[in-house]
C-alpha atoms as a PDB file:
ATOM      1  CA  UNK A   1       8.680  27.342   9.571  1.00  0.00           C
ATOM      2  CA  UNK A   2       7.187  26.452   6.010  1.00  0.00           C
ATOM      3  CA  UNK A   3       4.781  23.930   4.829  1.00  0.00           C
ATOM      4  CA  UNK A   4       7.362  22.031   3.258  1.00  0.00           C
ATOM      5  CA  UNK A   5       9.575  21.429   6.471  1.00  0.00           C
ATOM      6  CA  UNK A   6       6.441  20.638   7.797  1.00  0.00           C
ATOM      7  CA  UNK A   7       5.507  17.920   4.702  1.00  0.00           C
ATOM      8  CA  UNK A   8       8.602  16.361   4.074  1.00  0.00           C
ATOM      9  CA  UNK A   9       9.541  15.718   7.944  1.00  0.00           C
ATOM     10  CA  UNK A  10       5.445  14.057   7.690  1.00  0.00           C
ATOM     11  CA  UNK A  11       6.663  12.375   4.679  1.00  0.00           C
ATOM     12  CA  UNK A  12      10.236  10.890   5.167  1.00  0.00           C
ATOM     13  CA  UNK A  13      11.751   9.438   2.859  1.00  0.00           C
ATOM     14  CA  UNK A  14      11.426  10.264  -0.963  1.00  0.00           C
ATOM     15  CA  UNK A  15      10.036  13.263   0.384  1.00  0.00           C
ATOM     16  CA  UNK A  16      10.670  15.446  -2.932  1.00  0.00           C
ATOM     17  CA  UNK A  17       9.075  13.911  -5.361  1.00  0.00           C
ATOM     18  CA  UNK A  18       5.651  13.838  -3.639  1.00  0.00           C
ATOM     19  CA  UNK A  19       5.934  17.729  -2.481  1.00  0.00           C
ATOM     20  CA  UNK A  20       5.928  17.583  -6.207  1.00  0.00           C
ATOM     21  CA  UNK A  21       3.032  15.742  -6.570  1.00  0.00           C
ATOM     22  CA  UNK A  22       1.077  17.972  -3.462  1.00  0.00           C
ATOM     23  CA  UNK A  23       1.944  21.202  -4.670  1.00  0.00           C
ATOM     24  CA  UNK A  24      -0.678  19.773  -8.181  1.00  0.00           C
ATOM     25  CA  UNK A  25      -3.395  19.474  -5.191  1.00  0.00           C
ATOM     26  CA  UNK A  26      -3.003  22.554  -3.496  1.00  0.00           C
ATOM     27  CA  UNK A  27      -2.196  25.150  -6.486  1.00  0.00           C
ATOM     28  CA  UNK A  28      -4.739  27.866  -4.718  1.00  0.00           C
ATOM     29  CA  UNK A  29      -4.495  27.017  -1.670  1.00  0.00           C
ATOM     30  CA  UNK A  30      -7.521  24.547  -0.651  1.00  0.00           C
ATOM     31  CA  UNK A  31      -7.895  20.388  -1.410  1.00  0.00           C
ATOM     32  CA  UNK A  32      -8.545  19.471  -4.882  1.00  0.00           C
ATOM     33  CA  UNK A  33      -8.127  15.699  -6.822  1.00  0.00           C
ATOM     34  CA  UNK A  34      -5.931  16.422  -9.152  1.00  0.00           C
ATOM     35  CA  UNK A  35      -5.193  12.541 -10.902  1.00  0.00           C
ATOM     36  CA  UNK A  36      -1.492  11.184 -10.624  1.00  0.00           C
ATOM     37  CA  UNK A  37       0.062   7.052 -10.810  1.00  0.00           C
ATOM     38  CA  UNK A  38       1.429   5.855  -8.191  1.00  0.00           C
ATOM     39  CA  UNK A  39       3.203   2.341  -8.878  1.00  0.00           C
ATOM     40  CA  UNK A  40       3.700   1.187  -5.193  1.00  0.00           C
ATOM     41  CA  UNK A  41      -0.009   1.961  -4.400  1.00  0.00           C
ATOM     42  CA  UNK A  42      -0.887  -0.374  -8.368  1.00  0.00           C
ATOM     43  CA  UNK A  43       1.352  -3.152  -7.419  1.00  0.00           C
ATOM     44  CA  UNK A  44       1.626  -3.991  -3.624  1.00  0.00           C
ATOM     45  CA  UNK A  45      -1.537  -1.889  -2.330  1.00  0.00           C
ATOM     46  CA  UNK A  46      -1.917  -2.487   1.776  1.00  0.00           C
ATOM     47  CA  UNK A  47       1.263  -2.718   1.542  1.00  0.00           C
ATOM     48  CA  UNK A  48       2.142   0.362  -0.107  1.00  0.00           C
ATOM     49  CA  UNK A  49      -1.230   1.719   2.833  1.00  0.00           C
ATOM     50  CA  UNK A  50       1.279   0.930   5.822  1.00  0.00           C
ATOM     51  CA  UNK A  51       4.032   1.425   4.623  1.00  0.00           C
ATOM     52  CA  UNK A  52       3.145   4.962   4.451  1.00  0.00           C
ATOM     53  CA  UNK A  53       0.828   4.561   7.562  1.00  0.00           C
ATOM     54  CA  UNK A  54      -2.328   5.088   6.417  1.00  0.00           C
ATOM     55  CA  UNK A  55      -4.140   2.062   8.533  1.00  0.00           C
ATOM     56  CA  UNK A  56      -7.731   2.439   8.279  1.00  0.00           C
ATOM     57  CA  UNK A  57      -7.017   2.895   4.475  1.00  0.00           C
ATOM     58  CA  UNK A  58      -5.635  -0.671   3.891  1.00  0.00           C
ATOM     59  CA  UNK A  59      -8.312  -1.560   6.030  1.00  0.00           C
ATOM     60  CA  UNK A  60     -10.743  -0.340   3.911  1.00  0.00           C
ATOM     61  CA  UNK A  61      -9.073  -1.824   0.542  1.00  0.00           C
ATOM     62  CA  UNK A  62      -8.159  -5.045   1.969  1.00  0.00           C
ATOM     63  CA  UNK A  63     -12.460  -5.576   2.943  1.00  0.00           C
ATOM     64  CA  UNK A  64     -12.983  -3.626  -0.420  1.00  0.00           C
ATOM     65  CA  UNK A  65     -10.017  -6.312  -2.330  1.00  0.00           C
ATOM     66  CA  UNK A  66     -11.955  -9.782  -0.169  1.00  0.00           C
ATOM     67  CA  UNK A  67     -15.596  -8.232  -1.145  1.00  0.00           C
ATOM     68  CA  UNK A  68     -14.760  -7.940  -4.645  1.00  0.00           C
ATOM     69  CA  UNK A  69     -12.796 -11.099  -5.438  1.00  0.00           C
ATOM     70  CA  UNK A  70     -10.123 -12.499  -7.366  1.00  0.00           C
ATOM     71  CA  UNK A  71     -11.550 -12.635 -11.203  1.00  0.00           C
ATOM     72  CA  UNK A  72      -8.291 -11.443 -13.295  1.00  0.00           C
ATOM     73  CA  UNK A  73      -9.904  -7.890 -14.154  1.00  0.00           C
ATOM     74  CA  UNK A  74     -11.340  -6.955 -10.993  1.00  0.00           C
ATOM     75  CA  UNK A  75      -8.448  -6.573  -9.476  1.00  0.00           C
ATOM     76  CA  UNK A  76      -6.691  -5.028 -11.943  1.00  0.00           C
ATOM     77  CA  UNK A  77     -10.100  -2.601 -12.083  1.00  0.00           C
ATOM     78  CA  UNK A  78      -9.200  -2.516  -8.283  1.00  0.00           C
ATOM     79  CA  UNK A  79      -5.591  -1.910  -8.360  1.00  0.00           C
ATOM     80  CA  UNK A  80      -6.026   1.357 -11.038  1.00  0.00           C
ATOM     81  CA  UNK A  81      -8.063   2.976  -9.309  1.00  0.00           C
ATOM     82  CA  UNK A  82      -5.543   3.148  -5.424  1.00  0.00           C
ATOM     83  CA  UNK A  83      -2.586   4.245  -7.846  1.00  0.00           C
ATOM     84  CA  UNK A  84      -5.146   6.661  -9.099  1.00  0.00           C
ATOM     85  CA  UNK A  85      -5.415   7.757  -5.630  1.00  0.00           C
ATOM     86  CA  UNK A  86      -3.523   7.058  -3.792  1.00  0.00           C
ATOM     87  CA  UNK A  87      -0.842  10.099  -3.681  1.00  0.00           C
ATOM     88  CA  UNK A  88      -4.793  12.110  -3.117  1.00  0.00           C
ATOM     89  CA  UNK A  89      -4.738   9.922  -0.139  1.00  0.00           C
ATOM     90  CA  UNK A  90      -1.646  10.167   1.528  1.00  0.00           C
ATOM     91  CA  UNK A  91      -2.454  14.310   0.748  1.00  0.00           C
ATOM     92  CA  UNK A  92      -5.551  14.347   2.609  1.00  0.00           C
ATOM     93  CA  UNK A  93      -3.538  12.817   5.619  1.00  0.00           C
ATOM     94  CA  UNK A  94      -0.616  14.602   5.850  1.00  0.00           C
ATOM     95  CA  UNK A  95      -2.013  18.048   5.078  1.00  0.00           C
ATOM     96  CA  UNK A  96      -4.145  16.613   7.724  1.00  0.00           C
ATOM     97  CA  UNK A  97      -1.347  15.680  10.133  1.00  0.00           C
ATOM     98  CA  UNK A  98       0.172  18.659   9.563  1.00  0.00           C
ATOM     99  CA  UNK A  99      -2.711  21.537  10.555  1.00  0.00           C
ATOM    100  CA  UNK A 100      -3.110  18.998  13.600  1.00  0.00           C
ATOM    101  CA  UNK A 101       1.337  19.612  14.047  1.00  0.00           C
ATOM    102  CA  UNK A 102       0.930  23.181  13.433  1.00  0.00           C
ATOM    103  CA  UNK A 103      -1.862  23.552  16.041  1.00  0.00           C
ATOM    104  CA  UNK A 104       0.064  22.301  19.034  1.00  0.00           C
ATOM    105  CA  UNK A 105       3.268  22.709  17.958  1.00  0.00           C
ATOM    106  CA  UNK A 106       5.352  25.621  19.496  1.00  0.00           C
ATOM    107  CA  UNK A 107       9.265  24.825  18.542  1.00  0.00           C
ATOM    108  CA  UNK A 108      10.345  23.982  15.032  1.00  0.00           C
ATOM    109  CA  UNK A 109      12.246  21.513  16.906  1.00  0.00           C
ATOM    110  CA  UNK A 110       8.981  20.240  17.250  1.00  0.00           C
ATOM    111  CA  UNK A 111       9.518  19.030  14.298  1.00  0.00           C
ATOM    112  CA  UNK A 112      10.957  15.205  14.731  1.00  0.00           C
ATOM    113  CA  UNK A 113       7.143  14.710  16.356  1.00  0.00           C
ATOM    114  CA  UNK A 114       5.573  15.027  13.555  1.00  0.00           C
ATOM    115  CA  UNK A 115       8.758  13.127  11.397  1.00  0.00           C
ATOM    116  CA  UNK A 116       7.892  10.045  13.952  1.00  0.00           C
ATOM    117  CA  UNK A 117       3.965  10.180  13.194  1.00  0.00           C
ATOM    118  CA  UNK A 118       4.867   9.901   9.240  1.00  0.00           C
ATOM    119  CA  UNK A 119       7.285   8.118   7.615  1.00  0.00           C
ATOM    120  CA  UNK A 120       6.958   5.188   6.991  1.00  0.00           C
ATOM    121  CA  UNK A 121       7.039   1.967   8.472  1.00  0.00           C
ATOM    122  CA  UNK A 122      10.323   0.266   7.312  1.00  0.00           C
ATOM    123  CA  UNK A 123       9.226  -3.551   8.552  1.00  0.00           C
ATOM    124  CA  UNK A 124       6.330  -4.117   6.322  1.00  0.00           C
ATOM    125  CA  UNK A 125       8.783  -4.421   3.569  1.00  0.00           C
ATOM    126  CA  UNK A 126      10.087  -7.448   5.309  1.00  0.00           C
ATOM    127  CA  UNK A 127       6.363  -8.655   6.694  1.00  0.00           C
ATOM    128  CA  UNK A 128       5.065  -8.766   2.742  1.00  0.00           C
ATOM    129  CA  UNK A 129       8.141 -11.033   1.102  1.00  0.00           C
ATOM    130  CA  UNK A 130       7.404 -13.001   4.292  1.00  0.00           C
ATOM    131  CA  UNK A 131       3.635 -13.420   3.903  1.00  0.00           C
ATOM    132  CA  UNK A 132       4.378 -13.621   0.438  1.00  0.00           C
ATOM    133  CA  UNK A 133       6.572 -16.642   0.546  1.00  0.00           C
ATOM    134  CA  UNK A 134       4.309 -18.614   4.157  1.00  0.00           C
ATOM    135  CA  UNK A 135       1.429 -17.717   1.412  1.00  0.00           C
ATOM    136  CA  UNK A 136       3.428 -20.144  -0.890  1.00  0.00           C
ATOM    137  CA  UNK A 137       4.080 -22.386   1.446  1.00  0.00           C
ATOM    138  CA  UNK A 138       0.948 -22.843   2.703  1.00  0.00           C
ATOM    139  CA  UNK A 139      -0.544 -23.001  -1.064  1.00  0.00           C
ATOM    140  CA  UNK A 140       2.108 -25.899  -2.397  1.00  0.00           C
ATOM    141  CA  UNK A 141       1.410 -27.564   0.741  1.00  0.00           C
ATOM    142  CA  UNK A 142      -2.440 -26.971   0.271  1.00  0.00           C
ATOM    143  CA  UNK A 143      -1.630 -27.674  -3.260  1.00  0.00           C
ATOM    144  CA  UNK A 144      -0.073 -31.534  -2.115  1.00  0.00           C
ATOM    145  CA  UNK A 145      -2.410 -32.396   0.777  1.00  0.00           C
ATOM    146  CA  UNK A 146      -5.509 -31.827  -2.156  1.00  0.00           C
ATOM    147  CA  UNK A 147      -3.967 -33.628  -4.779  1.00  0.00           C
ATOM    148  CA  UNK A 148      -3.818 -37.453  -2.864  1.00  0.00           C
ATOM    149  CA  UNK A 149      -6.797 -36.673  -1.033  1.00  0.00           C
ATOM    150  CA  UNK A 150      -9.037 -37.001  -4.706  1.00  0.00           C
ATOM    151  CA  UNK A 151      -7.564 -39.281  -6.876  1.00  0.00           C
ATOM    152  CA  UNK A 152     -10.037 -37.211 -10.149  1.00  0.00           C
ATOM    153  CA  UNK A 153      -7.349 -34.522  -9.719  1.00  0.00           C
ATOM    154  CA  UNK A 154      -4.546 -36.677 -11.036  1.00  0.00           C
ATOM    155  CA  UNK A 155      -6.271 -37.777 -14.411  1.00  0.00           C
ATOM    156  CA  UNK A 156      -6.540 -33.926 -15.285  1.00  0.00           C
ATOM    157  CA  UNK A 157      -2.693 -33.474 -14.903  1.00  0.00           C
ATOM    158  CA  UNK A 158      -0.403 -35.903 -17.164  1.00  0.00           C
ATOM    159  CA  UNK A 159       2.827 -37.079 -15.334  1.00  0.00           C
ATOM    160  CA  UNK A 160       6.228 -35.716 -15.741  1.00  0.00           C
ATOM    161  CA  UNK A 161       8.420 -37.363 -18.088  1.00  0.00           C
ATOM    162  CA  UNK A 162      10.446 -40.260 -17.058  1.00  0.00           C
ATOM    163  CA  UNK A 163       8.597 -40.944 -14.167  1.00  0.00           C
ATOM    164  CA  UNK A 164       5.913 -44.238 -14.283  1.00  0.00           C
ATOM    165  CA  UNK A 165       2.061 -44.826 -14.220  1.00  0.00           C
END
């Protein structure tokens, strides 16, 4: 069984695109970091790690995002770092899983097991949308409560046109 088949089974959707990137990480058979860019990792962060079943990296990303704060530039730098290293981290995980599979596989028909261990979580996209909507609703509720509770804030924003003071 060729490694391309095993990696394709593990990666699932977009296997061909990842194969091209993965070949750059191990041109001579030994894993070695090479720069690459992953737009989903840049924009989606924790959600991308969860989608690709990289649970440890999702936890690390979330913890560092909280610890590094929510200023403007730090999240951009963190997103860039995530985009530069995301493909390599995914390659390392896929490589480890394929090696474990080779040690225990007895027949090529077991590729289904490797595909179930890898692949993607399709529910993550829906959870991300639901989470963003929930955050938007909670934020607007919080701001509405804050607006009513603290009269000083009201003096900083003029009322909308047509509403008497």
